[in-house]
Amino acid sequence: MGDPDVERIQEMPQFLIEVPHSEETLACARVVQVFLSKGSHFLTQADWGCMDGIHSAWMIVEAASKEEARLVVPPPFRSQAKIVGLNKFTLEQIEAVIGQHKP
């Protein structure tokens, strides 16, 4: 086994979940109600764009896969949910990419 101080800790992948919904006032309110009443931490902590005219909820979740992240979304909304895997870059990584494309 390697030195635990040297070994890289594997982080759980993170996913951005976007759940669009109807802009109609009552339909919008019902979607929010479903999210808040389910009791899931992810759902109750969702961010909403409705008050700014963008009728979507957003959440960042940790999950093993996109499929697992989709399971956070209540079943009636899963098919329209967009799941995006998130990553971070280091300056070194980006400089290496740019370096490969210099003339």
PDB file of N, CA and C in Angstrom:
ATOM      1  N   MET A   1       0.834  -1.202   0.000  1.00  0.00           N
ATOM      2  CA  MET A   1       0.000   0.000   0.000  1.00  0.00           C
ATOM      3  C   MET A   1       0.865   1.247   0.000  1.00  0.00           C
ATOM      4  N   GLY A   2       0.378   2.265  -0.667  1.00  0.00           N
ATOM      5  CA  GLY A   2       1.111   3.520  -0.738  1.00  0.00           C
ATOM      6  C   GLY A   2       0.872   4.360   0.492  1.00  0.00           C
ATOM      7  N   ASP A   3       1.622   5.425   0.560  1.00  0.00           N
ATOM      8  CA  ASP A   3       1.495   6.374   1.647  1.00  0.00           C
ATOM      9  C   ASP A   3       0.136   7.069   1.540  1.00  0.00           C
ATOM     10  N   PRO A   4      -0.695   7.024   2.586  1.00  0.00           N
ATOM     11  CA  PRO A   4      -2.025   7.632   2.503  1.00  0.00           C
ATOM     12  C   PRO A   4      -1.976   9.135   2.242  1.00  0.00           C
ATOM     13  N   ASP A   5      -0.873   9.790   2.655  1.00  0.00           N
ATOM     14  CA  ASP A   5      -0.752  11.225   2.391  1.00  0.00           C
ATOM     15  C   ASP A   5      -0.486  11.507   0.922  1.00  0.00           C
ATOM     16  N   VAL A   6       0.059  10.506   0.225  1.00  0.00           N
ATOM     17  CA  VAL A   6       0.415  10.689  -1.180  1.00  0.00           C
ATOM     18  C   VAL A   6      -0.697  10.218  -2.100  1.00  0.00           C
ATOM     19  N   GLU A   7      -1.450   9.194  -1.643  1.00  0.00           N
ATOM     20  CA  GLU A   7      -2.520   8.656  -2.482  1.00  0.00           C
ATOM     21  C   GLU A   7      -3.580   9.712  -2.733  1.00  0.00           C
ATOM     22  N   ARG A   8      -4.048   9.737  -3.947  1.00  0.00           N
ATOM     23  CA  ARG A   8      -5.096  10.690  -4.320  1.00  0.00           C
ATOM     24  C   ARG A   8      -6.445  10.156  -3.847  1.00  0.00           C
ATOM     25  N   ILE A   9      -7.208  10.993  -3.199  1.00  0.00           N
ATOM     26  CA  ILE A   9      -8.538  10.599  -2.725  1.00  0.00           C
ATOM     27  C   ILE A   9      -9.519  10.730  -3.875  1.00  0.00           C
ATOM     28  N   GLN A  10     -10.229   9.655  -4.168  1.00  0.00           N
ATOM     29  CA  GLN A  10     -11.243   9.680  -5.222  1.00  0.00           C
ATOM     30  C   GLN A  10     -12.493  10.363  -4.689  1.00  0.00           C
ATOM     31  N   GLU A  11     -12.887  11.403  -5.365  1.00  0.00           N
ATOM     32  CA  GLU A  11     -14.111  12.092  -4.987  1.00  0.00           C
ATOM     33  C   GLU A  11     -15.279  11.491  -5.754  1.00  0.00           C
ATOM     34  N   MET A  12     -16.445  11.531  -5.149  1.00  0.00           N
ATOM     35  CA  MET A  12     -17.658  11.076  -5.815  1.00  0.00           C
ATOM     36  C   MET A  12     -17.957  12.054  -6.943  1.00  0.00           C
ATOM     37  N   PRO A  13     -18.289  11.542  -8.130  1.00  0.00           N
ATOM     38  CA  PRO A  13     -18.641  12.443  -9.235  1.00  0.00           C
ATOM     39  C   PRO A  13     -19.817  13.342  -8.868  1.00  0.00           C
ATOM     40  N   GLN A  14     -19.797  14.559  -9.392  1.00  0.00           N
ATOM     41  CA  GLN A  14     -20.880  15.505  -9.165  1.00  0.00           C
ATOM     42  C   GLN A  14     -21.614  15.734 -10.475  1.00  0.00           C
ATOM     43  N   PHE A  15     -22.918  15.951 -10.352  1.00  0.00           N
ATOM     44  CA  PHE A  15     -23.776  16.170 -11.509  1.00  0.00           C
ATOM     45  C   PHE A  15     -24.675  17.368 -11.254  1.00  0.00           C
ATOM     46  N   LEU A  16     -24.844  18.184 -12.294  1.00  0.00           N
ATOM     47  CA  LEU A  16     -25.819  19.267 -12.269  1.00  0.00           C
ATOM     48  C   LEU A  16     -27.096  18.711 -12.879  1.00  0.00           C
ATOM     49  N   ILE A  17     -28.179  18.813 -12.151  1.00  0.00           N
ATOM     50  CA  ILE A  17     -29.478  18.347 -12.642  1.00  0.00           C
ATOM     51  C   ILE A  17     -30.333  19.574 -12.905  1.00  0.00           C
ATOM     52  N   GLU A  18     -30.864  19.657 -14.115  1.00  0.00           N
ATOM     53  CA  GLU A  18     -31.796  20.723 -14.468  1.00  0.00           C
ATOM     54  C   GLU A  18     -33.133  20.081 -14.793  1.00  0.00           C
ATOM     55  N   VAL A  19     -34.180  20.562 -14.139  1.00  0.00           N
ATOM     56  CA  VAL A  19     -35.518  20.020 -14.353  1.00  0.00           C
ATOM     57  C   VAL A  19     -36.428  21.153 -14.818  1.00  0.00           C
ATOM     58  N   PRO A  20     -36.658  21.244 -16.133  1.00  0.00           N
ATOM     59  CA  PRO A  20     -37.556  22.287 -16.642  1.00  0.00           C
ATOM     60  C   PRO A  20     -39.012  21.908 -16.384  1.00  0.00           C
ATOM     61  N   HIS A  21     -39.869  22.918 -16.320  1.00  0.00           N
ATOM     62  CA  HIS A  21     -41.295  22.653 -16.126  1.00  0.00           C
ATOM     63  C   HIS A  21     -42.111  23.788 -16.733  1.00  0.00           C
ATOM     64  N   SER A  22     -43.404  23.604 -16.722  1.00  0.00           N
ATOM     65  CA  SER A  22     -44.335  24.568 -17.326  1.00  0.00           C
ATOM     66  C   SER A  22     -44.258  25.927 -16.641  1.00  0.00           C
ATOM     67  N   GLU A  23     -44.419  26.967 -17.446  1.00  0.00           N
ATOM     68  CA  GLU A  23     -44.441  28.316 -16.888  1.00  0.00           C
ATOM     69  C   GLU A  23     -45.823  28.722 -16.376  1.00  0.00           C
ATOM     70  N   GLU A  24     -46.832  27.917 -16.656  1.00  0.00           N
ATOM     71  CA  GLU A  24     -48.189  28.217 -16.181  1.00  0.00           C
ATOM     72  C   GLU A  24     -48.155  28.214 -14.649  1.00  0.00           C
ATOM     73  N   THR A  25     -48.719  29.237 -14.033  1.00  0.00           N
ATOM     74  CA  THR A  25     -48.575  29.474 -12.596  1.00  0.00           C
ATOM     75  C   THR A  25     -48.956  28.279 -11.730  1.00  0.00           C
ATOM     76  N   LEU A  26     -50.121  27.700 -11.954  1.00  0.00           N
ATOM     77  CA  LEU A  26     -50.564  26.585 -11.116  1.00  0.00           C
ATOM     78  C   LEU A  26     -49.696  25.353 -11.348  1.00  0.00           C
ATOM     79  N   ALA A  27     -49.356  25.068 -12.591  1.00  0.00           N
ATOM     80  CA  ALA A  27     -48.500  23.913 -12.893  1.00  0.00           C
ATOM     81  C   ALA A  27     -47.125  24.095 -12.252  1.00  0.00           C
ATOM     82  N   CYS A  28     -46.589  25.300 -12.333  1.00  0.00           N
ATOM     83  CA  CYS A  28     -45.297  25.610 -11.723  1.00  0.00           C
ATOM     84  C   CYS A  28     -45.356  25.379 -10.209  1.00  0.00           C
ATOM     85  N   ALA A  29     -46.398  25.907  -9.587  1.00  0.00           N
ATOM     86  CA  ALA A  29     -46.554  25.765  -8.137  1.00  0.00           C
ATOM     87  C   ALA A  29     -46.665  24.298  -7.739  1.00  0.00           C
ATOM     88  N   ARG A  30     -47.313  23.493  -8.550  1.00  0.00           N
ATOM     89  CA  ARG A  30     -47.453  22.063  -8.231  1.00  0.00           C
ATOM     90  C   ARG A  30     -46.110  21.332  -8.319  1.00  0.00           C
ATOM     91  N   VAL A  31     -45.279  21.729  -9.284  1.00  0.00           N
ATOM     92  CA  VAL A  31     -43.951  21.110  -9.389  1.00  0.00           C
ATOM     93  C   VAL A  31     -43.138  21.433  -8.141  1.00  0.00           C
ATOM     94  N   VAL A  32     -43.148  22.698  -7.742  1.00  0.00           N
ATOM     95  CA  VAL A  32     -42.422  23.097  -6.541  1.00  0.00           C
ATOM     96  C   VAL A  32     -42.961  22.341  -5.327  1.00  0.00           C
ATOM     97  N   GLN A  33     -44.270  22.208  -5.246  1.00  0.00           N
ATOM     98  CA  GLN A  33     -44.886  21.478  -4.136  1.00  0.00           C
ATOM     99  C   GLN A  33     -44.404  20.026  -4.091  1.00  0.00           C
ATOM    100  N   VAL A  34     -44.332  19.363  -5.242  1.00  0.00           N
ATOM    101  CA  VAL A  34     -43.854  17.981  -5.287  1.00  0.00           C
ATOM    102  C   VAL A  34     -42.426  17.910  -4.753  1.00  0.00           C
ATOM    103  N   PHE A  35     -41.569  18.807  -5.221  1.00  0.00           N
ATOM    104  CA  PHE A  35     -40.176  18.787  -4.768  1.00  0.00           C
ATOM    105  C   PHE A  35     -40.092  18.999  -3.256  1.00  0.00           C
ATOM    106  N   LEU A  36     -40.821  19.976  -2.742  1.00  0.00           N
ATOM    107  CA  LEU A  36     -40.741  20.287  -1.317  1.00  0.00           C
ATOM    108  C   LEU A  36     -41.378  19.221  -0.438  1.00  0.00           C
ATOM    109  N   SER A  37     -42.381  18.542  -0.928  1.00  0.00           N
ATOM    110  CA  SER A  37     -43.096  17.565  -0.095  1.00  0.00           C
ATOM    111  C   SER A  37     -42.445  16.188  -0.086  1.00  0.00           C
ATOM    112  N   LYS A  38     -41.523  15.927  -0.994  1.00  0.00           N
ATOM    113  CA  LYS A  38     -40.878  14.607  -1.039  1.00  0.00           C
ATOM    114  C   LYS A  38     -39.927  14.393   0.126  1.00  0.00           C
ATOM    115  N   GLY A  39     -39.424  15.488   0.701  1.00  0.00           N
ATOM    116  CA  GLY A  39     -38.574  15.366   1.884  1.00  0.00           C
ATOM    117  C   GLY A  39     -37.114  15.080   1.598  1.00  0.00           C
ATOM    118  N   SER A  40     -36.749  14.798   0.357  1.00  0.00           N
ATOM    119  CA  SER A  40     -35.356  14.548   0.021  1.00  0.00           C
ATOM    120  C   SER A  40     -34.559  15.834   0.188  1.00  0.00           C
ATOM    121  N   HIS A  41     -33.402  15.738   0.784  1.00  0.00           N
ATOM    122  CA  HIS A  41     -32.542  16.907   0.970  1.00  0.00           C
ATOM    123  C   HIS A  41     -32.250  17.578  -0.368  1.00  0.00           C
ATOM    124  N   PHE A  42     -31.941  16.787  -1.380  1.00  0.00           N
ATOM    125  CA  PHE A  42     -31.638  17.359  -2.690  1.00  0.00           C
ATOM    126  C   PHE A  42     -32.825  18.141  -3.239  1.00  0.00           C
ATOM    127  N   LEU A  43     -34.010  17.574  -3.125  1.00  0.00           N
ATOM    128  CA  LEU A  43     -35.194  18.217  -3.692  1.00  0.00           C
ATOM    129  C   LEU A  43     -35.586  19.473  -2.931  1.00  0.00           C
ATOM    130  N   THR A  44     -35.511  19.415  -1.604  1.00  0.00           N
ATOM    131  CA  THR A  44     -35.913  20.581  -0.816  1.00  0.00           C
ATOM    132  C   THR A  44     -34.899  21.716  -0.909  1.00  0.00           C
ATOM    133  N   GLN A  45     -33.674  21.405  -1.338  1.00  0.00           N
ATOM    134  CA  GLN A  45     -32.637  22.431  -1.472  1.00  0.00           C
ATOM    135  C   GLN A  45     -32.441  22.879  -2.925  1.00  0.00           C
ATOM    136  N   ALA A  46     -33.323  22.472  -3.819  1.00  0.00           N
ATOM    137  CA  ALA A  46     -33.216  22.857  -5.231  1.00  0.00           C
ATOM    138  C   ALA A  46     -33.276  24.374  -5.365  1.00  0.00           C
ATOM    139  N   ASP A  47     -32.589  24.871  -6.366  1.00  0.00           N
ATOM    140  CA  ASP A  47     -32.665  26.291  -6.710  1.00  0.00           C
ATOM    141  C   ASP A  47     -33.611  26.430  -7.887  1.00  0.00           C
ATOM    142  N   TRP A  48     -34.391  27.496  -7.875  1.00  0.00           N
ATOM    143  CA  TRP A  48     -35.437  27.704  -8.877  1.00  0.00           C
ATOM    144  C   TRP A  48     -35.207  29.005  -9.628  1.00  0.00           C
ATOM    145  N   GLY A  49     -35.543  29.038 -10.897  1.00  0.00           N
ATOM    146  CA  GLY A  49     -35.434  30.242 -11.702  1.00  0.00           C
ATOM    147  C   GLY A  49     -36.775  30.876 -12.021  1.00  0.00           C
ATOM    148  N   CYS A  50     -37.839  30.347 -11.453  1.00  0.00           N
ATOM    149  CA  CYS A  50     -39.202  30.759 -11.804  1.00  0.00           C
ATOM    150  C   CYS A  50     -39.450  32.253 -11.620  1.00  0.00           C
ATOM    151  N   MET A  51     -38.942  32.817 -10.556  1.00  0.00           N
ATOM    152  CA  MET A  51     -39.196  34.237 -10.280  1.00  0.00           C
ATOM    153  C   MET A  51     -38.467  35.133 -11.283  1.00  0.00           C
ATOM    154  N   ASP A  52     -37.537  34.552 -12.056  1.00  0.00           N
ATOM    155  CA  ASP A  52     -36.827  35.308 -13.086  1.00  0.00           C
ATOM    156  C   ASP A  52     -37.282  34.886 -14.483  1.00  0.00           C
ATOM    157  N   GLY A  53     -38.390  34.113 -14.539  1.00  0.00           N
ATOM    158  CA  GLY A  53     -38.948  33.711 -15.825  1.00  0.00           C
ATOM    159  C   GLY A  53     -38.321  32.474 -16.453  1.00  0.00           C
ATOM    160  N   ILE A  54     -37.395  31.817 -15.760  1.00  0.00           N
ATOM    161  CA  ILE A  54     -36.792  30.575 -16.255  1.00  0.00           C
ATOM    162  C   ILE A  54     -37.356  29.441 -15.396  1.00  0.00           C
ATOM    163  N   HIS A  55     -38.279  28.703 -15.948  1.00  0.00           N
ATOM    164  CA  HIS A  55     -39.002  27.696 -15.169  1.00  0.00           C
ATOM    165  C   HIS A  55     -38.257  26.364 -15.157  1.00  0.00           C
ATOM    166  N   SER A  56     -37.257  26.340 -14.285  1.00  0.00           N
ATOM    167  CA  SER A  56     -36.440  25.139 -14.078  1.00  0.00           C
ATOM    168  C   SER A  56     -35.995  25.103 -12.632  1.00  0.00           C
ATOM    169  N   ALA A  57     -35.705  23.890 -12.183  1.00  0.00           N
ATOM    170  CA  ALA A  57     -35.058  23.680 -10.888  1.00  0.00           C
ATOM    171  C   ALA A  57     -33.659  23.164 -11.181  1.00  0.00           C
ATOM    172  N   TRP A  58     -32.704  23.525 -10.323  1.00  0.00           N
ATOM    173  CA  TRP A  58     -31.332  23.044 -10.460  1.00  0.00           C
ATOM    174  C   TRP A  58     -30.858  22.494  -9.132  1.00  0.00           C
ATOM    175  N   MET A  59     -30.101  21.406  -9.238  1.00  0.00           N
ATOM    176  CA  MET A  59     -29.495  20.781  -8.060  1.00  0.00           C
ATOM    177  C   MET A  59     -28.118  20.274  -8.452  1.00  0.00           C
ATOM    178  N   ILE A  60     -27.197  20.292  -7.527  1.00  0.00           N
ATOM    179  CA  ILE A  60     -25.913  19.617  -7.717  1.00  0.00           C
ATOM    180  C   ILE A  60     -25.897  18.455  -6.739  1.00  0.00           C
ATOM    181  N   VAL A  61     -25.684  17.257  -7.282  1.00  0.00           N
ATOM    182  CA  VAL A  61     -25.699  16.053  -6.455  1.00  0.00           C
ATOM    183  C   VAL A  61     -24.430  15.240  -6.690  1.00  0.00           C
ATOM    184  N   GLU A  62     -24.063  14.475  -5.700  1.00  0.00           N
ATOM    185  CA  GLU A  62     -22.988  13.506  -5.847  1.00  0.00           C
ATOM    186  C   GLU A  62     -23.634  12.154  -6.084  1.00  0.00           C
ATOM    187  N   ALA A  63     -23.162  11.466  -7.115  1.00  0.00           N
ATOM    188  CA  ALA A  63     -23.717  10.154  -7.451  1.00  0.00           C
ATOM    189  C   ALA A  63     -22.665   9.376  -8.222  1.00  0.00           C
ATOM    190  N   ALA A  64     -22.813   8.072  -8.254  1.00  0.00           N
ATOM    191  CA  ALA A  64     -21.849   7.223  -8.943  1.00  0.00           C
ATOM    192  C   ALA A  64     -21.952   7.338 -10.462  1.00  0.00           C
ATOM    193  N   SER A  65     -23.133   7.735 -10.970  1.00  0.00           N
ATOM    194  CA  SER A  65     -23.338   7.787 -12.421  1.00  0.00           C
ATOM    195  C   SER A  65     -24.467   8.763 -12.746  1.00  0.00           C
ATOM    196  N   LYS A  66     -24.603   9.078 -14.046  1.00  0.00           N
ATOM    197  CA  LYS A  66     -25.728   9.918 -14.477  1.00  0.00           C
ATOM    198  C   LYS A  66     -27.050   9.247 -14.161  1.00  0.00           C
ATOM    199  N   GLU A  67     -27.094   7.933 -14.349  1.00  0.00           N
ATOM    200  CA  GLU A  67     -28.333   7.190 -14.101  1.00  0.00           C
ATOM    201  C   GLU A  67     -28.729   7.282 -12.627  1.00  0.00           C
ATOM    202  N   GLU A  68     -27.735   7.164 -11.746  1.00  0.00           N
ATOM    203  CA  GLU A  68     -28.021   7.274 -10.315  1.00  0.00           C
ATOM    204  C   GLU A  68     -28.464   8.699  -9.962  1.00  0.00           C
ATOM    205  N   ALA A  69     -27.840   9.697 -10.577  1.00  0.00           N
ATOM    206  CA  ALA A  69     -28.225  11.088 -10.326  1.00  0.00           C
ATOM    207  C   ALA A  69     -29.664  11.332 -10.772  1.00  0.00           C
ATOM    208  N   ARG A  70     -30.062  10.747 -11.900  1.00  0.00           N
ATOM    209  CA  ARG A  70     -31.433  10.922 -12.405  1.00  0.00           C
ATOM    210  C   ARG A  70     -32.462  10.387 -11.407  1.00  0.00           C
ATOM    211  N   LEU A  71     -32.095   9.378 -10.623  1.00  0.00           N
ATOM    212  CA  LEU A  71     -33.029   8.795  -9.654  1.00  0.00           C
ATOM    213  C   LEU A  71     -33.397   9.758  -8.527  1.00  0.00           C
ATOM    214  N   VAL A  72     -32.622  10.840  -8.370  1.00  0.00           N
ATOM    215  CA  VAL A  72     -32.955  11.865  -7.374  1.00  0.00           C
ATOM    216  C   VAL A  72     -34.226  12.607  -7.777  1.00  0.00           C
ATOM    217  N   VAL A  73     -34.448  12.725  -9.078  1.00  0.00           N
ATOM    218  CA  VAL A  73     -35.585  13.479  -9.609  1.00  0.00           C
ATOM    219  C   VAL A  73     -36.866  12.657  -9.444  1.00  0.00           C
ATOM    220  N   PRO A  74     -37.958  13.274  -8.986  1.00  0.00           N
ATOM    221  CA  PRO A  74     -39.226  12.538  -8.872  1.00  0.00           C
ATOM    222  C   PRO A  74     -39.619  11.931 -10.230  1.00  0.00           C
ATOM    223  N   PRO A  75     -40.164  10.709 -10.219  1.00  0.00           N
ATOM    224  CA  PRO A  75     -40.471   9.990 -11.463  1.00  0.00           C
ATOM    225  C   PRO A  75     -41.199  10.790 -12.544  1.00  0.00           C
ATOM    226  N   PRO A  76     -42.192  11.623 -12.211  1.00  0.00           N
ATOM    227  CA  PRO A  76     -42.889  12.334 -13.294  1.00  0.00           C
ATOM    228  C   PRO A  76     -42.009  13.315 -14.083  1.00  0.00           C
ATOM    229  N   PHE A  77     -40.845  13.676 -13.536  1.00  0.00           N
ATOM    230  CA  PHE A  77     -39.999  14.694 -14.163  1.00  0.00           C
ATOM    231  C   PHE A  77     -38.680  14.135 -14.698  1.00  0.00           C
ATOM    232  N   ARG A  78     -38.422  12.855 -14.486  1.00  0.00           N
ATOM    233  CA  ARG A  78     -37.132  12.273 -14.875  1.00  0.00           C
ATOM    234  C   ARG A  78     -36.851  12.353 -16.362  1.00  0.00           C
ATOM    235  N   SER A  79     -37.867  12.134 -17.192  1.00  0.00           N
ATOM    236  CA  SER A  79     -37.616  12.079 -18.634  1.00  0.00           C
ATOM    237  C   SER A  79     -37.171  13.423 -19.201  1.00  0.00           C
ATOM    238  N   GLN A  80     -37.611  14.530 -18.610  1.00  0.00           N
ATOM    239  CA  GLN A  80     -37.213  15.829 -19.135  1.00  0.00           C
ATOM    240  C   GLN A  80     -36.002  16.414 -18.398  1.00  0.00           C
ATOM    241  N   ALA A  81     -35.518  15.749 -17.362  1.00  0.00           N
ATOM    242  CA  ALA A  81     -34.367  16.251 -16.612  1.00  0.00           C
ATOM    243  C   ALA A  81     -33.092  16.149 -17.453  1.00  0.00           C
ATOM    244  N   LYS A  82     -32.266  17.180 -17.359  1.00  0.00           N
ATOM    245  CA  LYS A  82     -30.957  17.180 -18.011  1.00  0.00           C
ATOM    246  C   LYS A  82     -29.911  16.939 -16.931  1.00  0.00           C
ATOM    247  N   ILE A  83     -29.031  15.979 -17.172  1.00  0.00           N
ATOM    248  CA  ILE A  83     -27.999  15.623 -16.202  1.00  0.00           C
ATOM    249  C   ILE A  83     -26.645  15.916 -16.848  1.00  0.00           C
ATOM    250  N   VAL A  84     -25.842  16.731 -16.179  1.00  0.00           N
ATOM    251  CA  VAL A  84     -24.532  17.111 -16.712  1.00  0.00           C
ATOM    252  C   VAL A  84     -23.462  16.749 -15.689  1.00  0.00           C
ATOM    253  N   GLY A  85     -22.488  15.947 -16.111  1.00  0.00           N
ATOM    254  CA  GLY A  85     -21.353  15.645 -15.247  1.00  0.00           C
ATOM    255  C   GLY A  85     -20.482  16.882 -15.100  1.00  0.00           C
ATOM    256  N   LEU A  86     -20.096  17.191 -13.871  1.00  0.00           N
ATOM    257  CA  LEU A  86     -19.291  18.382 -13.609  1.00  0.00           C
ATOM    258  C   LEU A  86     -17.829  17.995 -13.377  1.00  0.00           C
ATOM    259  N   ASN A  87     -16.946  18.879 -13.749  1.00  0.00           N
ATOM    260  CA  ASN A  87     -15.525  18.667 -13.495  1.00  0.00           C
ATOM    261  C   ASN A  87     -14.854  19.999 -13.224  1.00  0.00           C
ATOM    262  N   LYS A  88     -13.673  19.938 -12.693  1.00  0.00           N
ATOM    263  CA  LYS A  88     -12.853  21.124 -12.485  1.00  0.00           C
ATOM    264  C   LYS A  88     -11.583  20.925 -13.307  1.00  0.00           C
ATOM    265  N   PHE A  89     -10.943  22.031 -13.661  1.00  0.00           N
ATOM    266  CA  PHE A  89      -9.674  21.999 -14.366  1.00  0.00           C
ATOM    267  C   PHE A  89      -8.621  22.686 -13.509  1.00  0.00           C
ATOM    268  N   THR A  90      -7.396  22.228 -13.641  1.00  0.00           N
ATOM    269  CA  THR A  90      -6.282  22.961 -13.069  1.00  0.00           C
ATOM    270  C   THR A  90      -5.685  23.815 -14.177  1.00  0.00           C
ATOM    271  N   LEU A  91      -4.970  24.837 -13.795  1.00  0.00           N
ATOM    272  CA  LEU A  91      -4.299  25.679 -14.776  1.00  0.00           C
ATOM    273  C   LEU A  91      -3.306  24.851 -15.592  1.00  0.00           C
ATOM    274  N   GLU A  92      -2.660  23.907 -14.932  1.00  0.00           N
ATOM    275  CA  GLU A  92      -1.691  23.054 -15.619  1.00  0.00           C
ATOM    276  C   GLU A  92      -2.365  22.216 -16.707  1.00  0.00           C
ATOM    277  N   GLN A  93      -3.533  21.673 -16.419  1.00  0.00           N
ATOM    278  CA  GLN A  93      -4.260  20.881 -17.418  1.00  0.00           C
ATOM    279  C   GLN A  93      -4.606  21.732 -18.633  1.00  0.00           C
ATOM    280  N   ILE A  94      -5.093  22.921 -18.403  1.00  0.00           N
ATOM    281  CA  ILE A  94      -5.501  23.791 -19.502  1.00  0.00           C
ATOM    282  C   ILE A  94      -4.293  24.264 -20.294  1.00  0.00           C
ATOM    283  N   GLU A  95      -3.203  24.581 -19.601  1.00  0.00           N
ATOM    284  CA  GLU A  95      -1.992  24.993 -20.318  1.00  0.00           C
ATOM    285  C   GLU A  95      -1.462  23.860 -21.189  1.00  0.00           C
ATOM    286  N   ALA A  96      -1.590  22.614 -20.725  1.00  0.00           N
ATOM    287  CA  ALA A  96      -1.153  21.469 -21.525  1.00  0.00           C
ATOM    288  C   ALA A  96      -2.006  21.339 -22.782  1.00  0.00           C
ATOM    289  N   VAL A  97      -3.303  21.524 -22.653  1.00  0.00           N
ATOM    290  CA  VAL A  97      -4.204  21.454 -23.822  1.00  0.00           C
ATOM    291  C   VAL A  97      -3.859  22.568 -24.806  1.00  0.00           C
ATOM    292  N   ILE A  98      -3.692  23.771 -24.303  1.00  0.00           N
ATOM    293  CA  ILE A  98      -3.363  24.895 -25.172  1.00  0.00           C
ATOM    294  C   ILE A  98      -2.001  24.664 -25.834  1.00  0.00           C
ATOM    295  N   GLY A  99      -1.062  24.133 -25.060  1.00  0.00           N
ATOM    296  CA  GLY A  99       0.262  23.851 -25.611  1.00  0.00           C
ATOM    297  C   GLY A  99       0.246  22.860 -26.764  1.00  0.00           C
ATOM    298  N   GLN A 100      -0.675  21.937 -26.751  1.00  0.00           N
ATOM    299  CA  GLN A 100      -0.798  20.942 -27.819  1.00  0.00           C
ATOM    300  C   GLN A 100      -1.357  21.562 -29.084  1.00  0.00           C
ATOM    301  N   HIS A 101      -1.934  22.744 -29.005  1.00  0.00           N
ATOM    302  CA  HIS A 101      -2.584  23.358 -30.161  1.00  0.00           C
ATOM    303  C   HIS A 101      -1.907  24.633 -30.617  1.00  0.00           C
ATOM    304  N   LYS A 102      -0.709  24.878 -30.131  1.00  0.00           N
ATOM    305  CA  LYS A 102       0.022  26.075 -30.572  1.00  0.00           C
ATOM    306  C   LYS A 102       0.596  25.831 -31.966  1.00  0.00           C
ATOM    307  N   PRO A 103       0.608  26.870 -32.792  1.00  0.00           N
ATOM    308  CA  PRO A 103       1.154  26.712 -34.154  1.00  0.00           C
ATOM    309  C   PRO A 103       2.655  26.469 -34.174  1.00  0.00           C
TER     310      PRO A 103
END
